[in-house]
């Protein structure tokens, strides 16, 4: 049996009537309680009566259907409404505000909120982000909220920074299911207050927080560091990839830069200082100093063990490099080839000798051309003077520099957002 569906707009500002149809007051809002249930239950209404906002519990509401809100109790409690912990007011807190849609990691605006009666009680079942027509607002016409566009409330997470109940927070465990790039998109699309709320939630995991910061555009990175202490900034930079940390250091105000650098612990500080010595738009400026290199005489098993023990970013581990006895670059072995080879075999059996490489001073076009010509997802950066490897450039870092600022957010716009 299909449950009764009611729009929030059919309830708010409508009269509350008794069983005889006489007006008692006017509905100001609908109160729901957040918890573990995917569809928050309605716990009552806020009703304006004689200039006072009163609370009418859900058990005393006989009907919400068809725009008629009927009181089923014997008397109205005249005590003023006071919000309790964990409660949200649908109209005040959610209607026309941004909400997080955890399916796909997007912000949606609750232009309408849908309630349904399930097993005798009312609960919030969905939001409709589509704009209501002017005609429907004027005449109170019911819009069609079925099908595409309607978002199940089970996938919704509301922002609660503006709600005067400090105990409400965005659950970290829900955001952690999203990719850091999706979380960064949410932060960039949100207001500053909302973005702070998201970052506060992911800050429970310093590694995830750092991954999210790496995905933010530079303006937002700086924006969300301004209110942090030097030690907090250093703590975050220590968890970021060295190349991303070096880029962000250059955007921090001059008077703070030295203090933050001094608070970085080794080996991160040495890596950041090394990267700061290069032009940011060269191979040296965008490279990661973290990679895996073994001696040319190593076995396949030893090379795989080095990968397993490495803290280098996953994209830099697609290739293992071999070094000659004098420390110069000898060859490269794709990780897939190593995995397929017997562990007792010499790494030389899968190594490509004299692999293509770039130099720290090469500009981004030269790096892109080399990687394109040789179909590389990661390329070694070799010191021209000494012939030793100083880092690697990965395809994702190169693409990020070549694409225009804000490309991901602009590309993700839907027709309704344009």
Protein backbone atom coordinates (compact mmCIF):
# COMPACT_ATOMS: atom_id res chain seq x y z
CA UNK A 1 0.00 0.00 0.00
CA UNK A 2 1.43 3.39 -1.02
CA UNK A 3 1.88 5.68 2.01
CA UNK A 4 0.31 9.15 2.13
CA UNK A 5 2.82 11.79 0.94
CA UNK A 6 2.55 15.37 2.22
CA UNK A 7 4.62 18.40 1.26
CA UNK A 8 6.04 20.53 4.03
CA UNK A 9 4.58 23.58 2.29
CA UNK A 10 1.10 22.06 2.78
CA UNK A 11 1.62 22.06 6.56
CA UNK A 12 3.61 25.16 7.49
CA UNK A 13 1.54 28.33 7.94
CA UNK A 14 -1.67 26.35 7.76
CA UNK A 15 -4.23 26.55 10.60
CA UNK A 16 -4.30 23.93 13.33
CA UNK A 17 -7.97 23.05 13.88
CA UNK A 18 -9.78 20.99 16.46
CA UNK A 19 -12.13 18.10 15.70
CA UNK A 20 -14.97 20.52 15.03
CA UNK A 21 -12.88 22.45 12.51
CA UNK A 22 -12.40 25.51 14.74
CA UNK A 23 -9.03 27.22 14.48
CA UNK A 24 -6.65 26.80 17.42
CA UNK A 25 -3.51 28.39 16.00
CA UNK A 26 -1.18 28.41 13.02
CA UNK A 27 1.53 25.84 12.28
CA UNK A 28 4.96 27.48 12.29
CA UNK A 29 7.19 24.45 11.82
CA UNK A 30 7.54 20.67 11.92
CA UNK A 31 9.91 19.16 14.49
CA UNK A 32 11.82 15.96 13.68
CA UNK A 33 14.49 14.05 15.59
CA UNK A 34 17.76 12.96 14.02
CA UNK A 35 19.10 9.56 15.00
CA UNK A 36 19.97 6.21 13.52
CA UNK A 37 16.76 5.94 11.50
CA UNK A 38 17.20 6.74 7.78
CA UNK A 39 13.93 8.71 7.78
CA UNK A 40 13.71 11.03 10.82
CA UNK A 41 10.37 10.75 12.65
CA UNK A 42 8.12 13.75 13.20
CA UNK A 43 7.94 14.39 16.96
CA UNK A 44 5.58 17.35 16.83
CA UNK A 45 4.64 20.77 15.52
CA UNK A 46 5.51 24.31 16.53
CA UNK A 47 2.20 26.20 16.63
CA UNK A 48 1.68 29.95 17.02
CA UNK A 49 -1.11 30.60 19.54
CA UNK A 50 -1.86 34.04 20.95
CA UNK A 51 1.61 35.35 20.08
CA UNK A 52 3.35 32.34 21.67
CA UNK A 53 5.11 29.41 19.96
CA UNK A 54 3.84 26.21 21.56
CA UNK A 55 4.81 22.58 21.05
CA UNK A 56 2.14 20.11 19.99
CA UNK A 57 3.38 16.48 20.15
CA UNK A 58 2.82 14.21 17.16
CA UNK A 59 0.58 11.88 19.18
CA UNK A 60 -1.95 14.72 19.48
CA UNK A 61 -2.09 15.35 15.73
CA UNK A 62 -4.91 13.45 14.10
CA UNK A 63 -4.15 14.35 10.47
CA UNK A 64 -1.63 16.14 8.25
CA UNK A 65 -3.11 15.07 4.94
CA UNK A 66 -4.61 17.34 2.29
CA UNK A 67 -3.42 20.51 3.97
CA UNK A 68 -5.62 20.00 7.03
CA UNK A 69 -3.77 19.82 10.32
CA UNK A 70 -6.16 18.52 12.94
CA UNK A 71 -5.60 18.48 16.71
CA UNK A 72 -6.77 15.30 18.47
CA UNK A 73 -6.01 16.18 22.10
CA UNK A 74 -8.20 17.60 24.83
CA UNK A 75 -6.05 20.62 25.68
CA UNK A 76 -3.01 22.49 24.39
CA UNK A 77 0.08 22.75 26.59
CA UNK A 78 0.68 26.50 26.94
CA UNK A 79 4.40 26.25 27.73
CA UNK A 80 6.63 27.93 25.12
CA UNK A 81 8.39 25.66 22.65
CA UNK A 82 12.03 24.87 23.48
CA UNK A 83 14.18 22.91 21.09
CA UNK A 84 15.66 19.72 22.54
CA UNK A 85 18.94 18.02 21.73
CA UNK A 86 18.90 16.25 18.38
CA UNK A 87 15.83 18.08 17.05
CA UNK A 88 15.56 19.87 13.72
CA UNK A 89 12.92 22.30 12.53
CA UNK A 90 12.20 21.36 8.92
CA UNK A 91 11.23 24.82 7.71
CA UNK A 92 13.68 26.87 9.77
CA UNK A 93 16.71 24.57 9.55
CA UNK A 94 16.37 22.70 6.25
CA UNK A 95 13.97 24.31 3.80
CA UNK A 96 15.81 26.17 0.98
CA UNK A 97 19.15 25.35 2.63
CA UNK A 98 22.02 23.27 1.26
CA UNK A 99 22.09 19.60 2.22
CA UNK A 100 24.73 16.96 1.49
CA UNK A 101 23.61 14.19 -0.84
CA UNK A 102 25.96 11.36 0.07
CA UNK A 103 25.10 9.54 -3.15
CA UNK A 104 27.61 11.03 -5.55
CA UNK A 105 28.82 13.62 -3.03
CA UNK A 106 26.83 16.67 -4.14
CA UNK A 107 25.05 19.56 -2.49
CA UNK A 108 21.32 19.80 -3.02
CA UNK A 109 18.91 22.51 -1.94
CA UNK A 110 15.75 21.43 -0.15
CA UNK A 111 13.21 23.46 -2.10
CA UNK A 112 10.55 21.07 -0.85
CA UNK A 113 10.50 18.43 1.89
CA UNK A 114 8.28 15.38 1.67
CA UNK A 115 6.74 13.52 4.60
CA UNK A 116 4.94 10.18 4.61
CA UNK A 117 2.80 8.31 7.08
CA UNK A 118 4.35 4.90 7.69
CA UNK A 119 2.83 2.41 10.14
CA UNK A 120 0.76 5.14 11.73
CA UNK A 121 3.53 7.73 12.27
CA UNK A 122 4.90 10.52 10.09
CA UNK A 123 8.51 10.69 8.95
CA UNK A 124 10.68 12.66 6.52
CA UNK A 125 11.15 10.56 3.40
CA UNK A 126 12.67 12.82 0.74
CA UNK A 127 13.67 16.29 -0.41
CA UNK A 128 13.00 17.81 -3.79
CA UNK A 129 15.78 20.17 -4.97
CA UNK A 130 13.80 21.36 -7.97
CA UNK A 131 12.60 24.94 -7.89
CA UNK A 132 8.86 25.35 -7.36
CA UNK A 133 7.03 27.25 -10.07
CA UNK A 134 5.80 30.75 -9.32
CA UNK A 135 2.21 29.60 -9.96
CA UNK A 136 2.46 26.78 -7.43
CA UNK A 137 3.75 29.18 -4.79
CA UNK A 138 0.97 31.68 -5.44
CA UNK A 139 -1.96 29.28 -5.48
CA UNK A 140 -0.47 26.59 -3.29
CA UNK A 141 -0.69 24.03 -6.07
CA UNK A 142 0.84 20.65 -5.36
CA UNK A 143 3.85 19.94 -7.62
CA UNK A 144 4.69 16.45 -8.88
CA UNK A 145 7.47 15.17 -6.60
CA UNK A 146 7.67 11.68 -8.05
CA UNK A 147 10.47 10.28 -10.18
CA UNK A 148 13.74 11.96 -11.15
CA UNK A 149 15.03 14.77 -9.02
CA UNK A 150 13.62 13.66 -5.67
CA UNK A 151 16.33 12.59 -3.22
CA UNK A 152 15.71 9.93 -0.59
CA UNK A 153 16.35 11.45 2.84
CA UNK A 154 18.28 8.30 3.78
CA UNK A 155 21.15 9.64 1.64
CA UNK A 156 20.89 13.20 3.01
CA UNK A 157 23.09 14.76 5.67
CA UNK A 158 22.03 18.26 6.80
CA UNK A 159 24.39 21.04 7.78
CA UNK A 160 23.79 21.85 11.41
CA UNK A 161 26.24 24.68 12.17
CA UNK A 162 23.34 27.15 12.10
CA UNK A 163 21.18 24.99 14.37
CA UNK A 164 21.29 26.10 18.04
CA UNK A 165 21.93 22.54 19.25
CA UNK A 166 25.68 22.16 19.49
CA UNK A 167 25.51 18.40 19.99
CA UNK A 168 24.55 17.86 16.35
CA UNK A 169 27.51 17.16 14.06
CA UNK A 170 28.01 15.73 10.58
CA UNK A 171 28.99 12.09 11.20
CA UNK A 172 32.57 11.44 10.08
CA UNK A 173 31.78 7.83 9.20
CA UNK A 174 29.36 8.95 6.48
CA UNK A 175 31.70 11.45 4.84
CA UNK A 176 34.58 8.97 5.02
CA UNK A 177 32.78 6.79 2.47
CA UNK A 178 33.26 9.51 -0.15
CA UNK A 179 36.45 10.04 -2.16
CA UNK A 180 38.56 12.99 -0.91
CA UNK A 181 37.95 14.75 -4.23
CA UNK A 182 34.18 14.48 -3.69
CA UNK A 183 34.52 15.91 -0.18
CA UNK A 184 36.64 18.75 -1.58
CA UNK A 185 33.94 19.46 -4.17
CA UNK A 186 31.39 19.72 -1.34
CA UNK A 187 33.60 22.18 0.55
CA UNK A 188 34.15 24.33 -2.53
CA UNK A 189 30.43 24.40 -3.37
CA UNK A 190 29.39 25.20 0.21
CA UNK A 191 29.45 28.45 2.15
CA UNK A 192 32.44 29.09 4.41
CA UNK A 193 30.44 28.05 7.48
CA UNK A 194 29.27 24.85 5.82
CA UNK A 195 32.76 24.11 4.52
CA UNK A 196 34.18 24.48 8.03
CA UNK A 197 31.60 22.00 9.25
CA UNK A 198 32.66 19.43 6.65
CA UNK A 199 36.35 19.90 7.40
CA UNK A 200 35.69 19.66 11.13
CA UNK A 201 34.03 16.30 10.52
CA UNK A 202 36.87 14.84 8.45
CA UNK A 203 39.49 16.26 10.84
CA UNK A 204 38.83 13.25 13.05
CA UNK A 205 41.10 11.44 10.58
CA UNK A 206 44.20 13.54 9.94
CA UNK A 207 45.12 11.47 6.89
CA UNK A 208 41.70 12.04 5.31
CA UNK A 209 41.80 15.73 6.21
CA UNK A 210 45.15 16.04 4.43
CA UNK A 211 43.82 14.19 1.38
CA UNK A 212 40.85 16.57 1.22
CA UNK A 213 43.10 19.62 1.49
CA UNK A 214 45.23 18.30 -1.37
CA UNK A 215 42.10 18.22 -3.55
CA UNK A 216 40.93 21.75 -2.66
CA UNK A 217 41.81 24.62 -4.95
CA UNK A 218 44.43 26.99 -3.59
CA UNK A 219 42.00 29.75 -2.62
CA UNK A 220 39.99 27.39 -0.43
CA UNK A 221 43.13 25.88 1.09
CA UNK A 222 44.28 29.29 2.23
CA UNK A 223 40.77 30.27 3.36
CA UNK A 224 40.49 27.31 5.72
CA UNK A 225 44.00 27.73 7.13
CA UNK A 226 43.67 31.39 8.10
CA UNK A 227 42.00 30.68 11.44
CA UNK A 228 44.38 27.85 12.42
CA UNK A 229 47.46 28.22 14.56
CA UNK A 230 50.93 27.75 13.06
CA UNK A 231 51.23 24.40 14.81
CA UNK A 232 47.88 23.21 13.44
CA UNK A 233 48.93 24.25 9.93
CA UNK A 234 52.26 22.42 10.30
CA UNK A 235 50.47 19.31 11.57
CA UNK A 236 48.28 19.29 8.47
CA UNK A 237 51.18 19.94 6.07
CA UNK A 238 53.10 17.02 7.54
CA UNK A 239 50.36 14.66 6.39
CA UNK A 240 50.07 16.13 2.90
CA UNK A 241 52.14 14.99 -0.06
CA UNK A 242 55.40 17.01 -0.03
CA UNK A 243 54.70 18.66 -3.38
CA UNK A 244 51.22 19.76 -2.28
CA UNK A 245 52.62 20.98 1.05
CA UNK A 246 55.29 23.01 -0.74
CA UNK A 247 52.70 24.61 -3.02
CA UNK A 248 50.54 25.56 -0.04
CA UNK A 249 53.48 26.97 1.94
CA UNK A 250 54.09 29.52 -0.81
CA UNK A 251 50.51 30.79 -0.43
CA UNK A 252 50.71 31.30 3.33
CA UNK A 253 51.38 34.88 4.37
CA UNK A 254 55.05 35.84 4.49
CA UNK A 255 55.02 36.55 8.23
CA UNK A 256 53.74 33.03 9.02
CA UNK A 257 55.75 31.04 6.48
CA UNK A 258 58.98 30.79 8.43
CA UNK A 259 57.24 29.81 11.66
CA UNK A 260 55.23 27.06 9.96
CA UNK A 261 58.32 25.68 8.18
CA UNK A 262 60.23 25.58 11.45
CA UNK A 263 57.47 23.48 13.03
CA UNK A 264 57.55 20.81 10.31
CA UNK A 265 59.22 17.60 11.42
CA UNK A 266 61.78 15.69 9.41
CA UNK A 267 61.83 14.28 6.81
CA UNK A 268 58.89 16.36 5.60
CA UNK A 269 60.69 19.65 6.24
CA UNK A 270 63.71 18.61 4.13
CA UNK A 271 61.46 17.47 1.29
CA UNK A 272 59.50 20.73 1.32
CA UNK A 273 62.68 22.84 1.36
CA UNK A 274 64.00 20.83 -1.59
CA UNK A 275 60.84 21.42 -3.62
CA UNK A 276 60.76 25.13 -2.76
CA UNK A 277 64.12 25.51 -4.50
CA UNK A 278 62.51 24.78 -7.88
CA UNK A 279 60.29 26.90 -10.08
CA UNK A 280 56.71 25.77 -9.32
CA UNK A 281 55.92 25.40 -13.04
CA UNK A 282 58.74 22.98 -13.79
CA UNK A 283 59.21 19.25 -13.31
CA UNK A 284 61.11 19.98 -10.10
CA UNK A 285 58.27 22.14 -8.82
CA UNK A 286 55.53 19.54 -9.31
CA UNK A 287 57.46 16.34 -8.64
CA UNK A 288 57.03 14.10 -5.62
CA UNK A 289 60.29 13.25 -3.85
CA UNK A 290 58.73 9.97 -2.69
CA UNK A 291 59.28 6.93 -4.92
CA UNK A 292 60.64 3.39 -4.71
CA UNK A 293 64.12 2.56 -5.99
CA UNK A 294 66.14 -0.63 -5.46
CA UNK A 295 69.57 -1.81 -6.55
CA UNK A 296 69.79 -3.28 -10.02
CA UNK A 297 70.99 -6.53 -8.43
CA UNK A 298 67.85 -6.95 -6.30
CA UNK A 299 65.32 -9.74 -6.67
CA UNK A 300 61.70 -9.28 -7.64
CA UNK A 301 60.74 -10.21 -4.09
CA UNK A 302 62.94 -7.49 -2.64
CA UNK A 303 61.46 -4.92 -5.01
CA UNK A 304 57.90 -5.89 -4.00
CA UNK A 305 58.87 -5.72 -0.33
CA UNK A 306 60.17 -2.19 -0.89
CA UNK A 307 56.80 -1.23 -2.41
CA UNK A 308 54.95 -2.75 0.54
CA UNK A 309 57.07 -0.78 3.02
CA UNK A 310 56.90 2.52 1.11
CA UNK A 311 54.89 5.53 2.27
CA UNK A 312 54.96 7.04 -1.22
CA UNK A 313 51.56 7.92 -2.73
CA UNK A 314 49.93 5.00 -4.59
CA UNK A 315 50.21 6.71 -7.99
CA UNK A 316 54.01 6.94 -7.55
CA UNK A 317 54.24 3.20 -6.89
CA UNK A 318 53.13 2.13 -10.36
CA UNK A 319 56.79 1.90 -11.31
CA UNK A 320 59.83 0.69 -9.34
CA UNK A 321 63.20 2.13 -10.37
CA UNK A 322 66.57 0.45 -10.26
CA UNK A 323 69.83 2.21 -9.47
CA UNK A 324 73.32 1.44 -10.73
CA UNK A 325 76.17 0.98 -8.27
CA UNK A 326 77.11 4.67 -8.63
CA UNK A 327 73.60 5.85 -7.70
CA UNK A 328 72.49 6.82 -11.20
CA UNK A 329 69.20 5.75 -12.73
CA UNK A 330 69.56 2.29 -14.29
CA UNK A 331 66.07 1.18 -15.27
CA UNK A 332 62.36 0.98 -14.47
CA UNK A 333 60.02 -1.94 -13.79
CA UNK A 334 56.22 -1.61 -13.98
CA UNK A 335 54.60 -2.83 -10.79
CA UNK A 336 52.33 -5.14 -12.79
CA UNK A 337 55.36 -6.86 -14.32
CA UNK A 338 56.91 -7.36 -10.89
CA UNK A 339 53.71 -8.87 -9.50
CA UNK A 340 53.57 -11.36 -12.40
CA UNK A 341 57.22 -12.42 -12.13
CA UNK A 342 58.56 -15.13 -9.77
CA UNK A 343 59.79 -13.48 -6.58
CA UNK A 344 63.15 -15.28 -6.68
CA UNK A 345 64.02 -13.96 -10.14
CA UNK A 346 66.35 -11.00 -10.57
CA UNK A 347 64.58 -7.69 -11.00
CA UNK A 348 66.71 -7.30 -14.13
CA UNK A 349 64.39 -9.77 -15.90
CA UNK A 350 61.54 -7.22 -15.95
CA UNK A 351 63.49 -3.95 -16.01
CA UNK A 352 63.45 -1.55 -18.94
CA UNK A 353 66.94 -0.09 -19.04
CA UNK A 354 67.63 3.60 -19.73
CA UNK A 355 63.98 4.64 -19.23
CA UNK A 356 62.73 7.99 -20.52
CA UNK A 357 63.12 10.76 -17.95
CA UNK A 358 62.82 14.51 -17.44
CA UNK A 359 65.01 17.06 -15.68
CA UNK A 360 64.01 19.38 -12.83
CA UNK A 361 64.24 22.52 -14.97
CA UNK A 362 61.95 21.25 -17.73
CA UNK A 363 58.71 23.17 -18.12
CA UNK A 364 55.30 21.52 -17.98
CA UNK A 365 54.94 21.30 -21.77
CA UNK A 366 58.20 19.36 -22.04
CA UNK A 367 57.12 17.02 -19.25
CA UNK A 368 53.69 16.49 -20.84
CA UNK A 369 55.26 15.78 -24.24
CA UNK A 370 57.63 13.18 -22.78
CA UNK A 371 54.88 11.42 -20.84
CA UNK A 372 52.59 11.44 -23.88
CA UNK A 373 55.25 10.19 -26.31
CA UNK A 374 56.14 7.23 -24.09
CA UNK A 375 52.62 6.58 -22.66
CA UNK A 376 53.80 7.13 -19.10
CA UNK A 377 51.67 7.61 -15.99
CA UNK A 378 54.77 8.39 -13.93
CA UNK A 379 58.14 9.68 -15.11
CA UNK A 380 61.45 9.89 -13.20
CA UNK A 381 63.03 13.30 -12.60
CA UNK A 382 66.81 13.05 -12.97
CA UNK A 383 69.40 15.53 -11.75
CA UNK A 384 71.14 16.69 -14.94
CA UNK A 385 74.45 17.23 -13.19
CA UNK A 386 74.77 14.02 -11.16
CA UNK A 387 72.40 11.65 -12.96
CA UNK A 388 70.59 10.59 -9.79
CA UNK A 389 66.82 10.48 -9.33
CA UNK A 390 65.38 13.33 -7.28
CA UNK A 391 61.67 12.55 -7.70
CA UNK A 392 58.83 11.50 -9.98
CA UNK A 393 56.08 13.37 -11.79
CA UNK A 394 52.74 11.56 -11.82
CA UNK A 395 50.11 12.09 -14.49
CA UNK A 396 47.49 13.30 -11.99
CA UNK A 397 49.73 16.10 -10.71
CA UNK A 398 50.58 17.14 -14.26
CA UNK A 399 46.94 17.21 -15.39
CA UNK A 400 45.93 19.21 -12.33
CA UNK A 401 48.44 21.93 -13.28
CA UNK A 402 47.47 21.97 -16.95
CA UNK A 403 43.71 22.21 -16.40
CA UNK A 404 42.14 25.60 -15.59
CA UNK A 405 41.37 26.56 -11.99
CA UNK A 406 38.00 25.28 -10.79
CA UNK A 407 37.55 22.92 -13.73
CA UNK A 408 36.08 20.08 -11.67
CA UNK A 409 33.40 22.23 -10.04
CA UNK A 410 32.42 23.84 -13.37
CA UNK A 411 32.29 20.48 -15.13
CA UNK A 412 30.07 19.02 -12.42
CA UNK A 413 27.30 21.61 -12.81
CA UNK A 414 23.88 20.34 -13.70
CA UNK A 415 21.33 22.25 -15.74
CA UNK A 416 19.49 23.17 -12.59
CA UNK A 417 22.62 24.76 -11.13
CA UNK A 418 23.58 26.87 -14.13
